Amino acid sequence: MIEGSTDIHWGIIGCGDVTEIKSGPGFQQADGSALAAVMRRDRAKADDYAMRHGVPRAYGDAQALIDDATVDAVYIATPPDAHESLALRVAAAGKPCLVEKPMARSHAECERMNEAFRGAGVPLWVAYYRRALPRFLTLRDVIQTGAIGRVTSVHVQVTDRLTSGAAASNWRFDPAQAGAGLFFDLASHCFDLLDFLFGPITSAAGFPMNTGGTYDAEDVTCAVFRFGDRLAGTGTWNFNAEEKTDVLTIAGSEGTIVSPVFTDTDLVVSRAGDRRVLPVRNPPHVHQPLIQTIVDELRGRGRCDSTGESGARASWVMDRCLGR
């Protein structure tokens, strides 16, 4: 909790594409929240962002933003290779922090981040914003009310066409920056969502492969996992497929739920021949509901459960799926 502050004033490190619509405006529009400063290594781009979004200050140096006395909390929106080092600097400054997903390039990096924030006595959160989206709150409620009986298995299927040429030079395909390939970028959301819906995954294994050869990282990963002895799961993340798919299938003893993970489409609940469609839409700025839970916690009015501990669990599962 931040004492004596009417609003929580945020600073963003790495004001790139994800901050234009998904997250940046959420810091300005959440109740009790304000965006005080932004930083980018290219100072001119930071200045441009600040001008377009009405942000008071812009920096070209991360430490300058962290040290800004008007910044109460820091959002790290850089590629994953910088998450650990920047988060440790925020912890050393004694400020709360929200870090983009995946939390880091490995579970070991996540654990060092959590240790630093525990030692500093300040909170660390991870931007797994699906935990606060209306669609997935509705999905969790449907599951918990027993609409499909006892849930016995889950399956994730995410596919897309192979990326090649100049597009394959993006950081998301570089294990040194991303931790792996698109599997880390997208499966991290899937595993955190499953953690939110069903609790921690307790064991996992996977089979990563490079089938297309257009970049160094894996482009197909299949995984098996389980939640104790209660629930089994499988997943396929195939980024060398003919078409794009995005399906989470939840099978229960008395029915089935089909949900997207990434697309803004409907939930479909099927039971005993009855098919119920739940058209729950995303808000304009998908990070904003999660930001609101963080701001509320900092103001002593609630709690955000997308923590460093839950974020590290997703990274633990992904490490196991890649055989680490």
C-alpha atoms as a PDB file:
ATOM      1  CA  MET A   1       0.000   0.000   0.000  1.00  0.00           C
ATOM      2  CA  ILE A   2       1.271   3.459  -0.912  1.00  0.00           C
ATOM      3  CA  GLU A   3       0.476   5.857   1.902  1.00  0.00           C
ATOM      4  CA  GLY A   4      -0.642   9.419   1.342  1.00  0.00           C
ATOM      5  CA  SER A   5      -1.258   9.112  -2.402  1.00  0.00           C
ATOM      6  CA  THR A   6      -4.630   9.927  -3.944  1.00  0.00           C
ATOM      7  CA  ASP A   7      -3.563   8.449  -7.270  1.00  0.00           C
ATOM      8  CA  ILE A   8      -0.887   5.902  -8.110  1.00  0.00           C
ATOM      9  CA  HIS A   9       1.569   7.550 -10.507  1.00  0.00           C
ATOM     10  CA  TRP A  10       3.127   5.077 -12.940  1.00  0.00           C
ATOM     11  CA  GLY A  11       6.268   5.077 -15.027  1.00  0.00           C
ATOM     12  CA  ILE A  12       6.619   2.839 -18.109  1.00  0.00           C
ATOM     13  CA  ILE A  13       9.974   1.415 -19.148  1.00  0.00           C
ATOM     14  CA  GLY A  14       9.738   0.427 -22.813  1.00  0.00           C
ATOM     15  CA  CYS A  15       6.835   2.374 -24.343  1.00  0.00           C
ATOM     16  CA  GLY A  16       6.587   0.251 -27.496  1.00  0.00           C
ATOM     17  CA  ASP A  17       3.653  -1.248 -29.394  1.00  0.00           C
ATOM     18  CA  VAL A  18       2.065  -3.091 -26.459  1.00  0.00           C
ATOM     19  CA  THR A  19       1.647   0.214 -24.613  1.00  0.00           C
ATOM     20  CA  GLU A  20      -0.151   2.046 -27.419  1.00  0.00           C
ATOM     21  CA  ILE A  21      -3.609   0.500 -26.913  1.00  0.00           C
ATOM     22  CA  LYS A  22      -3.413  -2.653 -24.790  1.00  0.00           C
ATOM     23  CA  SER A  23      -1.809  -1.215 -21.664  1.00  0.00           C
ATOM     24  CA  GLY A  24      -0.704   2.440 -21.759  1.00  0.00           C
ATOM     25  CA  PRO A  25      -4.162   4.065 -21.789  1.00  0.00           C
ATOM     26  CA  GLY A  26      -5.226   1.697 -19.005  1.00  0.00           C
ATOM     27  CA  PHE A  27      -2.846   3.400 -16.589  1.00  0.00           C
ATOM     28  CA  GLN A  28      -4.495   6.716 -17.407  1.00  0.00           C
ATOM     29  CA  GLN A  29      -8.103   5.523 -17.354  1.00  0.00           C
ATOM     30  CA  ALA A  30      -8.090   3.214 -14.325  1.00  0.00           C
ATOM     31  CA  ASP A  31      -9.656   4.789 -11.245  1.00  0.00           C
ATOM     32  CA  GLY A  32      -7.011   6.232  -8.932  1.00  0.00           C
ATOM     33  CA  SER A  33      -4.236   5.854 -11.504  1.00  0.00           C
ATOM     34  CA  ALA A  34      -2.124   8.246 -13.567  1.00  0.00           C
ATOM     35  CA  LEU A  35       0.738   7.860 -16.040  1.00  0.00           C
ATOM     36  CA  ALA A  36       3.544  10.157 -14.936  1.00  0.00           C
ATOM     37  CA  ALA A  37       6.534   9.183 -17.099  1.00  0.00           C
ATOM     38  CA  VAL A  38       7.654   6.952 -19.954  1.00  0.00           C
ATOM     39  CA  MET A  39      11.065   5.728 -21.055  1.00  0.00           C
ATOM     40  CA  ARG A  40      12.506   4.317 -24.267  1.00  0.00           C
ATOM     41  CA  ARG A  41      16.120   3.941 -25.311  1.00  0.00           C
ATOM     42  CA  ASP A  42      15.316   6.075 -28.345  1.00  0.00           C
ATOM     43  CA  ARG A  43      14.543   9.315 -26.508  1.00  0.00           C
ATOM     44  CA  ALA A  44      12.855  10.834 -29.548  1.00  0.00           C
ATOM     45  CA  LYS A  45      10.349   7.958 -29.588  1.00  0.00           C
ATOM     46  CA  ALA A  46       9.771   8.391 -25.851  1.00  0.00           C
ATOM     47  CA  ASP A  47       9.128  12.095 -26.389  1.00  0.00           C
ATOM     48  CA  ASP A  48       6.714  11.296 -29.223  1.00  0.00           C
ATOM     49  CA  TYR A  49       4.800   8.803 -27.057  1.00  0.00           C
ATOM     50  CA  ALA A  50       4.589  11.280 -24.197  1.00  0.00           C
ATOM     51  CA  MET A  51       3.301  14.020 -26.494  1.00  0.00           C
ATOM     52  CA  ARG A  52       0.652  11.806 -28.126  1.00  0.00           C
ATOM     53  CA  HIS A  53      -0.584  10.309 -24.856  1.00  0.00           C
ATOM     54  CA  GLY A  54      -0.377  13.403 -22.650  1.00  0.00           C
ATOM     55  CA  VAL A  55       2.352  12.053 -20.353  1.00  0.00           C
ATOM     56  CA  PRO A  56       4.222  14.736 -18.351  1.00  0.00           C
ATOM     57  CA  ARG A  57       7.781  13.370 -18.598  1.00  0.00           C
ATOM     58  CA  ALA A  58       9.860  11.233 -20.976  1.00  0.00           C
ATOM     59  CA  TYR A  59      13.274   9.653 -20.469  1.00  0.00           C
ATOM     60  CA  GLY A  60      15.901   7.872 -22.512  1.00  0.00           C
ATOM     61  CA  ASP A  61      17.397   6.188 -19.446  1.00  0.00           C
ATOM     62  CA  ALA A  62      15.628   3.558 -17.344  1.00  0.00           C
ATOM     63  CA  GLN A  63      17.356   4.447 -14.078  1.00  0.00           C
ATOM     64  CA  ALA A  64      16.295   8.072 -14.418  1.00  0.00           C
ATOM     65  CA  LEU A  65      12.674   6.995 -14.599  1.00  0.00           C
ATOM     66  CA  ILE A  66      13.059   4.582 -11.669  1.00  0.00           C
ATOM     67  CA  ASP A  67      14.619   7.364  -9.586  1.00  0.00           C
ATOM     68  CA  ASP A  68      11.918   9.907 -10.491  1.00  0.00           C
ATOM     69  CA  ALA A  69      10.380  10.836  -7.127  1.00  0.00           C
ATOM     70  CA  THR A  70       6.968  11.385  -8.733  1.00  0.00           C
ATOM     71  CA  VAL A  71       6.831   7.771  -9.988  1.00  0.00           C
ATOM     72  CA  ASP A  72       5.167   5.516  -7.393  1.00  0.00           C
ATOM     73  CA  ALA A  73       5.220   2.257  -9.372  1.00  0.00           C
ATOM     74  CA  VAL A  74       6.963   0.975 -12.514  1.00  0.00           C
ATOM     75  CA  TYR A  75       5.650  -1.048 -15.456  1.00  0.00           C
ATOM     76  CA  ILE A  76       8.370  -2.906 -17.397  1.00  0.00           C
ATOM     77  CA  ALA A  77       7.228  -3.431 -21.003  1.00  0.00           C
ATOM     78  CA  THR A  78      10.524  -4.402 -22.645  1.00  0.00           C
ATOM     79  CA  PRO A  79      11.378  -7.754 -24.287  1.00  0.00           C
ATOM     80  CA  PRO A  80      11.986 -10.509 -21.696  1.00  0.00           C
ATOM     81  CA  ASP A  81      15.795 -10.383 -21.793  1.00  0.00           C
ATOM     82  CA  ALA A  82      15.688  -7.102 -19.849  1.00  0.00           C
ATOM     83  CA  HIS A  83      12.978  -8.055 -17.344  1.00  0.00           C
ATOM     84  CA  GLU A  84      15.206  -9.459 -14.617  1.00  0.00           C
ATOM     85  CA  SER A  85      17.847  -6.722 -14.643  1.00  0.00           C
ATOM     86  CA  LEU A  86      15.292  -3.910 -14.729  1.00  0.00           C
ATOM     87  CA  ALA A  87      13.070  -5.494 -12.091  1.00  0.00           C
ATOM     88  CA  LEU A  88      16.030  -5.863  -9.729  1.00  0.00           C
ATOM     89  CA  ARG A  89      16.703  -2.140 -10.124  1.00  0.00           C
ATOM     90  CA  VAL A  90      13.070  -1.318  -9.345  1.00  0.00           C
ATOM     91  CA  ALA A  91      13.206  -3.558  -6.257  1.00  0.00           C
ATOM     92  CA  ALA A  92      16.416  -1.844  -5.139  1.00  0.00           C
ATOM     93  CA  ALA A  93      14.565   1.483  -5.379  1.00  0.00           C
ATOM     94  CA  GLY A  94      11.821   0.083  -3.134  1.00  0.00           C
ATOM     95  CA  LYS A  95       9.043   0.592  -5.682  1.00  0.00           C
ATOM     96  CA  PRO A  96       6.203  -1.765  -6.683  1.00  0.00           C
ATOM     97  CA  CYS A  97       6.534  -3.233 -10.158  1.00  0.00           C
ATOM     98  CA  LEU A  98       4.399  -4.728 -12.915  1.00  0.00           C
ATOM     99  CA  VAL A  99       6.412  -6.688 -15.485  1.00  0.00           C
ATOM    100  CA  GLU A 100       5.266  -7.855 -18.901  1.00  0.00           C
ATOM    101  CA  LYS A 101       4.791 -11.522 -19.733  1.00  0.00           C
ATOM    102  CA  PRO A 102       6.459 -13.916 -19.975  1.00  0.00           C
ATOM    103  CA  MET A 103       7.855 -12.861 -16.605  1.00  0.00           C
ATOM    104  CA  ALA A 104      11.423 -13.709 -17.674  1.00  0.00           C
ATOM    105  CA  ARG A 105      13.399 -16.037 -19.932  1.00  0.00           C
ATOM    106  CA  SER A 106      13.507 -18.857 -17.391  1.00  0.00           C
ATOM    107  CA  HIS A 107      12.084 -19.945 -14.077  1.00  0.00           C
ATOM    108  CA  ALA A 108      15.470 -19.264 -12.459  1.00  0.00           C
ATOM    109  CA  GLU A 109      15.293 -15.604 -13.512  1.00  0.00           C
ATOM    110  CA  CYS A 110      11.754 -15.410 -12.124  1.00  0.00           C
ATOM    111  CA  GLU A 111      12.896 -16.779  -8.769  1.00  0.00           C
ATOM    112  CA  ARG A 112      15.666 -14.191  -8.489  1.00  0.00           C
ATOM    113  CA  MET A 113      13.133 -11.451  -9.208  1.00  0.00           C
ATOM    114  CA  ASN A 114      10.735 -12.757  -6.565  1.00  0.00           C
ATOM    115  CA  GLU A 115      13.528 -13.017  -4.014  1.00  0.00           C
ATOM    116  CA  ALA A 116      14.531  -9.403  -4.632  1.00  0.00           C
ATOM    117  CA  PHE A 117      11.001  -8.070  -4.167  1.00  0.00           C
ATOM    118  CA  ARG A 118      10.425 -10.162  -1.071  1.00  0.00           C
ATOM    119  CA  GLY A 119      13.647  -8.757   0.352  1.00  0.00           C
ATOM    120  CA  ALA A 120      12.610  -5.198  -0.506  1.00  0.00           C
ATOM    121  CA  GLY A 121       9.153  -5.684   0.982  1.00  0.00           C
ATOM    122  CA  VAL A 122       7.368  -4.383  -2.119  1.00  0.00           C
ATOM    123  CA  PRO A 123       5.006  -6.220  -4.493  1.00  0.00           C
ATOM    124  CA  LEU A 124       5.756  -7.628  -7.936  1.00  0.00           C
ATOM    125  CA  TRP A 125       3.003  -8.416 -10.434  1.00  0.00           C
ATOM    126  CA  VAL A 126       3.032  -9.920 -13.937  1.00  0.00           C
ATOM    127  CA  ALA A 127       0.866  -8.670 -16.826  1.00  0.00           C
ATOM    128  CA  TYR A 128      -1.221 -11.808 -17.283  1.00  0.00           C
ATOM    129  CA  TYR A 129      -4.259  -9.622 -17.836  1.00  0.00           C
ATOM    130  CA  ARG A 130      -6.621 -12.486 -18.701  1.00  0.00           C
ATOM    131  CA  ARG A 131      -7.015 -13.049 -14.960  1.00  0.00           C
ATOM    132  CA  ALA A 132      -9.097  -9.864 -14.813  1.00  0.00           C
ATOM    133  CA  LEU A 133     -10.913  -9.940 -18.171  1.00  0.00           C
ATOM    134  CA  PRO A 134     -14.717 -10.373 -18.001  1.00  0.00           C
ATOM    135  CA  ARG A 135     -14.612 -13.357 -20.386  1.00  0.00           C
ATOM    136  CA  PHE A 136     -12.383 -15.443 -18.150  1.00  0.00           C
ATOM    137  CA  LEU A 137     -14.043 -14.356 -14.917  1.00  0.00           C
ATOM    138  CA  THR A 138     -17.276 -15.603 -16.513  1.00  0.00           C
ATOM    139  CA  LEU A 139     -15.570 -18.801 -17.627  1.00  0.00           C
ATOM    140  CA  ARG A 140     -14.294 -19.469 -14.118  1.00  0.00           C
ATOM    141  CA  ASP A 141     -17.755 -18.854 -12.669  1.00  0.00           C
ATOM    142  CA  VAL A 142     -19.330 -21.279 -15.169  1.00  0.00           C
ATOM    143  CA  ILE A 143     -16.795 -23.962 -14.245  1.00  0.00           C
ATOM    144  CA  GLN A 144     -17.188 -23.418 -10.509  1.00  0.00           C
ATOM    145  CA  THR A 145     -20.978 -23.626 -10.659  1.00  0.00           C
ATOM    146  CA  GLY A 146     -20.674 -27.163 -12.073  1.00  0.00           C
ATOM    147  CA  ALA A 147     -22.207 -26.366 -15.471  1.00  0.00           C
ATOM    148  CA  ILE A 148     -20.297 -29.259 -17.076  1.00  0.00           C
ATOM    149  CA  GLY A 149     -19.924 -31.448 -13.995  1.00  0.00           C
ATOM    150  CA  ARG A 150     -16.451 -32.367 -12.802  1.00  0.00           C
ATOM    151  CA  VAL A 151     -13.753 -31.070 -15.144  1.00  0.00           C
ATOM    152  CA  THR A 152     -11.580 -34.018 -16.185  1.00  0.00           C
ATOM    153  CA  SER A 153      -9.352 -32.749 -19.015  1.00  0.00           C
ATOM    154  CA  VAL A 154      -8.322 -29.631 -20.879  1.00  0.00           C
ATOM    155  CA  HIS A 155      -6.779 -29.153 -24.309  1.00  0.00           C
ATOM    156  CA  VAL A 156      -5.162 -26.047 -25.802  1.00  0.00           C
ATOM    157  CA  GLN A 157      -4.706 -25.675 -29.552  1.00  0.00           C
ATOM    158  CA  VAL A 158      -2.969 -22.615 -30.946  1.00  0.00           C
ATOM    159  CA  THR A 159      -1.766 -22.628 -34.558  1.00  0.00           C
ATOM    160  CA  ASP A 160      -0.619 -20.122 -37.152  1.00  0.00           C
ATOM    161  CA  ARG A 161       1.250 -19.986 -40.435  1.00  0.00           C
ATOM    162  CA  LEU A 162       5.057 -20.080 -40.462  1.00  0.00           C
ATOM    163  CA  THR A 163       6.789 -16.724 -40.106  1.00  0.00           C
ATOM    164  CA  SER A 164       9.676 -16.185 -42.525  1.00  0.00           C
ATOM    165  CA  GLY A 165      11.793 -13.477 -44.111  1.00  0.00           C
ATOM    166  CA  ALA A 166      12.293 -10.151 -42.353  1.00  0.00           C
ATOM    167  CA  ALA A 167       9.408 -10.826 -39.945  1.00  0.00           C
ATOM    168  CA  ALA A 168      11.356 -13.772 -38.470  1.00  0.00           C
ATOM    169  CA  SER A 169      13.999 -11.347 -37.162  1.00  0.00           C
ATOM    170  CA  ASN A 170      11.550 -10.030 -34.551  1.00  0.00           C
ATOM    171  CA  TRP A 171      12.713 -10.535 -30.952  1.00  0.00           C
ATOM    172  CA  ARG A 172       9.883 -13.008 -30.319  1.00  0.00           C
ATOM    173  CA  PHE A 173      11.726 -15.576 -32.454  1.00  0.00           C
ATOM    174  CA  ASP A 174      15.114 -15.059 -30.773  1.00  0.00           C
ATOM    175  CA  PRO A 175      15.675 -17.298 -27.718  1.00  0.00           C
ATOM    176  CA  ALA A 176      18.388 -14.948 -26.418  1.00  0.00           C
ATOM    177  CA  GLN A 177      15.811 -12.153 -26.100  1.00  0.00           C
ATOM    178  CA  ALA A 178      12.540 -14.044 -25.672  1.00  0.00           C
ATOM    179  CA  GLY A 179      13.679 -17.146 -23.771  1.00  0.00           C
ATOM    180  CA  ALA A 180      12.411 -19.368 -26.591  1.00  0.00           C
ATOM    181  CA  GLY A 181      10.201 -18.704 -29.618  1.00  0.00           C
ATOM    182  CA  LEU A 182       6.494 -17.932 -29.984  1.00  0.00           C
ATOM    183  CA  PHE A 183       5.802 -20.770 -27.553  1.00  0.00           C
ATOM    184  CA  PHE A 184       7.073 -18.579 -24.704  1.00  0.00           C
ATOM    185  CA  ASP A 185       5.189 -15.549 -25.966  1.00  0.00           C
ATOM    186  CA  LEU A 186       1.804 -17.269 -26.351  1.00  0.00           C
ATOM    187  CA  ALA A 187       1.852 -20.456 -24.250  1.00  0.00           C
ATOM    188  CA  SER A 188       2.719 -18.317 -21.231  1.00  0.00           C
ATOM    189  CA  HIS A 189      -0.779 -16.795 -21.439  1.00  0.00           C
ATOM    190  CA  CYS A 190      -2.313 -20.247 -21.841  1.00  0.00           C
ATOM    191  CA  PHE A 191      -0.586 -21.788 -18.831  1.00  0.00           C
ATOM    192  CA  ASP A 192      -1.282 -18.794 -16.613  1.00  0.00           C
ATOM    193  CA  LEU A 193      -4.944 -18.874 -17.623  1.00  0.00           C
ATOM    194  CA  LEU A 194      -5.132 -22.573 -16.725  1.00  0.00           C
ATOM    195  CA  ASP A 195      -3.466 -21.785 -13.385  1.00  0.00           C
ATOM    196  CA  PHE A 196      -6.128 -19.122 -12.797  1.00  0.00           C
ATOM    197  CA  LEU A 197      -8.973 -21.500 -13.677  1.00  0.00           C
ATOM    198  CA  PHE A 198      -7.789 -24.715 -12.050  1.00  0.00           C
ATOM    199  CA  GLY A 199      -4.820 -24.011  -9.787  1.00  0.00           C
ATOM    200  CA  PRO A 200      -1.115 -24.832 -10.214  1.00  0.00           C
ATOM    201  CA  ILE A 201       0.107 -27.357 -12.755  1.00  0.00           C
ATOM    202  CA  THR A 202       2.144 -29.885 -10.801  1.00  0.00           C
ATOM    203  CA  SER A 203       3.950 -31.767 -13.577  1.00  0.00           C
ATOM    204  CA  ALA A 204       4.589 -31.161 -17.258  1.00  0.00           C
ATOM    205  CA  ALA A 205       6.624 -32.411 -20.194  1.00  0.00           C
ATOM    206  CA  GLY A 206       6.848 -31.416 -23.820  1.00  0.00           C
ATOM    207  CA  PHE A 207       8.303 -32.026 -27.246  1.00  0.00           C
ATOM    208  CA  PRO A 208       9.671 -28.871 -28.907  1.00  0.00           C
ATOM    209  CA  MET A 209      10.681 -29.043 -32.579  1.00  0.00           C
ATOM    210  CA  ASN A 210      11.866 -26.762 -35.347  1.00  0.00           C
ATOM    211  CA  THR A 211      10.032 -27.898 -38.487  1.00  0.00           C
ATOM    212  CA  GLY A 212      10.302 -24.875 -40.765  1.00  0.00           C
ATOM    213  CA  GLY A 213      13.899 -23.709 -40.373  1.00  0.00           C
ATOM    214  CA  THR A 214      13.107 -20.021 -40.898  1.00  0.00           C
ATOM    215  CA  TYR A 215      14.359 -19.090 -37.405  1.00  0.00           C
ATOM    216  CA  ASP A 216      16.360 -20.791 -34.655  1.00  0.00           C
ATOM    217  CA  ALA A 217      13.631 -21.278 -32.037  1.00  0.00           C
ATOM    218  CA  GLU A 218      11.075 -24.076 -31.843  1.00  0.00           C
ATOM    219  CA  ASP A 219       8.020 -23.614 -34.091  1.00  0.00           C
ATOM    220  CA  VAL A 220       6.002 -26.638 -32.891  1.00  0.00           C
ATOM    221  CA  THR A 221       5.639 -27.710 -29.266  1.00  0.00           C
ATOM    222  CA  CYS A 222       3.332 -30.383 -27.904  1.00  0.00           C
ATOM    223  CA  ALA A 223       2.865 -30.725 -24.157  1.00  0.00           C
ATOM    224  CA  VAL A 224       1.242 -32.919 -21.540  1.00  0.00           C
ATOM    225  CA  PHE A 225       0.585 -31.721 -18.021  1.00  0.00           C
ATOM    226  CA  ARG A 226      -1.558 -32.346 -14.977  1.00  0.00           C
ATOM    227  CA  PHE A 227      -2.994 -30.617 -11.938  1.00  0.00           C
ATOM    228  CA  GLY A 228      -2.185 -33.100  -9.181  1.00  0.00           C
ATOM    229  CA  ASP A 229      -4.375 -36.183  -9.566  1.00  0.00           C
ATOM    230  CA  ARG A 230      -7.488 -34.117 -10.356  1.00  0.00           C
ATOM    231  CA  LEU A 231      -7.135 -33.027 -13.950  1.00  0.00           C
ATOM    232  CA  ALA A 232      -5.122 -33.867 -17.082  1.00  0.00           C
ATOM    233  CA  GLY A 233      -4.119 -31.518 -19.880  1.00  0.00           C
ATOM    234  CA  THR A 234      -2.585 -31.461 -23.341  1.00  0.00           C
ATOM    235  CA  GLY A 235      -1.558 -28.654 -25.649  1.00  0.00           C
ATOM    236  CA  THR A 236      -0.289 -28.027 -29.169  1.00  0.00           C
ATOM    237  CA  TRP A 237       1.347 -24.778 -30.222  1.00  0.00           C
ATOM    238  CA  ASN A 238       2.024 -25.174 -33.952  1.00  0.00           C
ATOM    239  CA  PHE A 239       3.440 -22.142 -35.741  1.00  0.00           C
ATOM    240  CA  ASN A 240       3.986 -23.999 -39.022  1.00  0.00           C
ATOM    241  CA  ALA A 241       0.347 -24.797 -39.801  1.00  0.00           C
ATOM    242  CA  GLU A 242      -1.961 -24.067 -42.714  1.00  0.00           C
ATOM    243  CA  GLU A 243      -4.417 -21.994 -40.707  1.00  0.00           C
ATOM    244  CA  LYS A 244      -4.775 -19.936 -37.559  1.00  0.00           C
ATOM    245  CA  THR A 245      -6.631 -21.535 -34.626  1.00  0.00           C
ATOM    246  CA  ASP A 246      -7.194 -20.549 -30.998  1.00  0.00           C
ATOM    247  CA  VAL A 247      -9.191 -23.044 -28.946  1.00  0.00           C
ATOM    248  CA  LEU A 248      -9.304 -24.019 -25.285  1.00  0.00           C
ATOM    249  CA  THR A 249     -11.492 -27.099 -24.810  1.00  0.00           C
ATOM    250  CA  ILE A 250     -12.562 -27.934 -21.257  1.00  0.00           C
ATOM    251  CA  ALA A 251     -14.130 -31.394 -20.918  1.00  0.00           C
ATOM    252  CA  GLY A 252     -16.255 -32.312 -17.938  1.00  0.00           C
ATOM    253  CA  SER A 253     -18.177 -35.344 -16.778  1.00  0.00           C
ATOM    254  CA  GLU A 254     -21.440 -33.754 -17.971  1.00  0.00           C
ATOM    255  CA  GLY A 255     -20.480 -31.328 -20.724  1.00  0.00           C
ATOM    256  CA  THR A 256     -17.880 -29.268 -22.560  1.00  0.00           C
ATOM    257  CA  ILE A 257     -16.833 -25.626 -22.718  1.00  0.00           C
ATOM    258  CA  VAL A 258     -15.028 -24.175 -25.729  1.00  0.00           C
ATOM    259  CA  SER A 259     -13.278 -20.835 -25.238  1.00  0.00           C
ATOM    260  CA  PRO A 260     -10.731 -18.710 -27.066  1.00  0.00           C
ATOM    261  CA  VAL A 261      -7.511 -17.727 -25.332  1.00  0.00           C
ATOM    262  CA  PHE A 262      -6.506 -14.824 -27.588  1.00  0.00           C
ATOM    263  CA  THR A 263      -9.380 -13.883 -29.887  1.00  0.00           C
ATOM    264  CA  ASP A 264     -12.400 -11.818 -28.858  1.00  0.00           C
ATOM    265  CA  THR A 265     -14.985 -14.525 -29.512  1.00  0.00           C
ATOM    266  CA  ASP A 266     -17.729 -16.304 -27.567  1.00  0.00           C
ATOM    267  CA  LEU A 267     -17.743 -18.942 -24.868  1.00  0.00           C
ATOM    268  CA  VAL A 268     -19.781 -22.027 -25.843  1.00  0.00           C
ATOM    269  CA  VAL A 269     -21.147 -24.317 -23.134  1.00  0.00           C
ATOM    270  CA  SER A 270     -22.550 -27.685 -24.258  1.00  0.00           C
ATOM    271  CA  ARG A 271     -24.412 -30.116 -22.009  1.00  0.00           C
ATOM    272  CA  ALA A 272     -26.890 -32.916 -22.749  1.00  0.00           C
ATOM    273  CA  GLY A 273     -27.536 -31.657 -26.270  1.00  0.00           C
ATOM    274  CA  ASP A 274     -28.048 -28.064 -25.138  1.00  0.00           C
ATOM    275  CA  ARG A 275     -25.688 -25.419 -26.529  1.00  0.00           C
ATOM    276  CA  ARG A 276     -25.393 -22.091 -24.713  1.00  0.00           C
ATOM    277  CA  VAL A 277     -23.410 -19.181 -26.214  1.00  0.00           C
ATOM    278  CA  LEU A 278     -21.996 -16.515 -23.876  1.00  0.00           C
ATOM    279  CA  PRO A 279     -20.971 -13.413 -25.916  1.00  0.00           C
ATOM    280  CA  VAL A 280     -18.567 -11.731 -23.493  1.00  0.00           C
ATOM    281  CA  ARG A 281     -16.469  -9.026 -25.190  1.00  0.00           C
ATOM    282  CA  ASN A 282     -13.089  -7.528 -24.279  1.00  0.00           C
ATOM    283  CA  PRO A 283     -12.775  -3.919 -23.072  1.00  0.00           C
ATOM    284  CA  PRO A 284     -10.991  -1.415 -25.363  1.00  0.00           C
ATOM    285  CA  HIS A 285      -7.754  -1.591 -23.332  1.00  0.00           C
ATOM    286  CA  VAL A 286      -7.339  -5.219 -22.284  1.00  0.00           C
ATOM    287  CA  HIS A 287      -4.778  -4.510 -19.549  1.00  0.00           C
ATOM    288  CA  GLN A 288      -7.001  -1.992 -17.790  1.00  0.00           C
ATOM    289  CA  PRO A 289      -9.000  -4.411 -15.590  1.00  0.00           C
ATOM    290  CA  LEU A 290      -5.771  -5.966 -14.273  1.00  0.00           C
ATOM    291  CA  ILE A 291      -4.235  -2.512 -13.766  1.00  0.00           C
ATOM    292  CA  GLN A 292      -7.306  -1.577 -11.756  1.00  0.00           C
ATOM    293  CA  THR A 293      -6.794  -4.543  -9.406  1.00  0.00           C
ATOM    294  CA  ILE A 294      -3.156  -3.490  -8.874  1.00  0.00           C
ATOM    295  CA  VAL A 295      -4.060   0.137  -8.228  1.00  0.00           C
ATOM    296  CA  ASP A 296      -6.768  -0.983  -5.815  1.00  0.00           C
ATOM    297  CA  GLU A 297      -4.258  -3.127  -3.916  1.00  0.00           C
ATOM    298  CA  LEU A 298      -1.761  -0.275  -3.722  1.00  0.00           C
ATOM    299  CA  ARG A 299      -4.508   1.975  -2.353  1.00  0.00           C
ATOM    300  CA  GLY A 300      -5.508  -0.653   0.217  1.00  0.00           C
ATOM    301  CA  ARG A 301      -8.825  -1.492  -1.456  1.00  0.00           C
ATOM    302  CA  GLY A 302      -8.359  -4.950  -2.969  1.00  0.00           C
ATOM    303  CA  ARG A 303      -5.876  -7.472  -4.266  1.00  0.00           C
ATOM    304  CA  CYS A 304      -4.335  -8.509  -7.593  1.00  0.00           C
ATOM    305  CA  ASP A 305      -3.599 -12.220  -7.868  1.00  0.00           C
ATOM    306  CA  SER A 306      -1.341 -12.050 -10.951  1.00  0.00           C
ATOM    307  CA  THR A 307       1.764 -12.010  -8.803  1.00  0.00           C
ATOM    308  CA  GLY A 308       5.428 -12.804  -9.250  1.00  0.00           C
ATOM    309  CA  GLU A 309       4.711 -16.181  -7.669  1.00  0.00           C
ATOM    310  CA  SER A 310       1.942 -17.074 -10.139  1.00  0.00           C
ATOM    311  CA  GLY A 311       4.010 -15.706 -13.042  1.00  0.00           C
ATOM    312  CA  ALA A 312       6.934 -17.880 -12.020  1.00  0.00           C
ATOM    313  CA  ARG A 313       4.670 -20.942 -12.060  1.00  0.00           C
ATOM    314  CA  ALA A 314       3.889 -20.364 -15.754  1.00  0.00           C
ATOM    315  CA  SER A 315       7.613 -20.108 -16.493  1.00  0.00           C
ATOM    316  CA  TRP A 316       8.269 -23.317 -14.533  1.00  0.00           C
ATOM    317  CA  VAL A 317       5.776 -25.176 -16.731  1.00  0.00           C
ATOM    318  CA  MET A 318       7.242 -23.777 -19.955  1.00  0.00           C
ATOM    319  CA  ASP A 319      10.767 -24.763 -18.897  1.00  0.00           C
ATOM    320  CA  ARG A 320       9.522 -28.325 -18.377  1.00  0.00           C
ATOM    321  CA  CYS A 321       7.819 -28.335 -21.785  1.00  0.00           C
ATOM    322  CA  LEU A 322      11.107 -27.345 -23.424  1.00  0.00           C
ATOM    323  CA  GLY A 323      13.024 -30.018 -21.496  1.00  0.00           C
ATOM    324  CA  ARG A 324      14.998 -27.625 -19.311  1.00  0.00           C
END
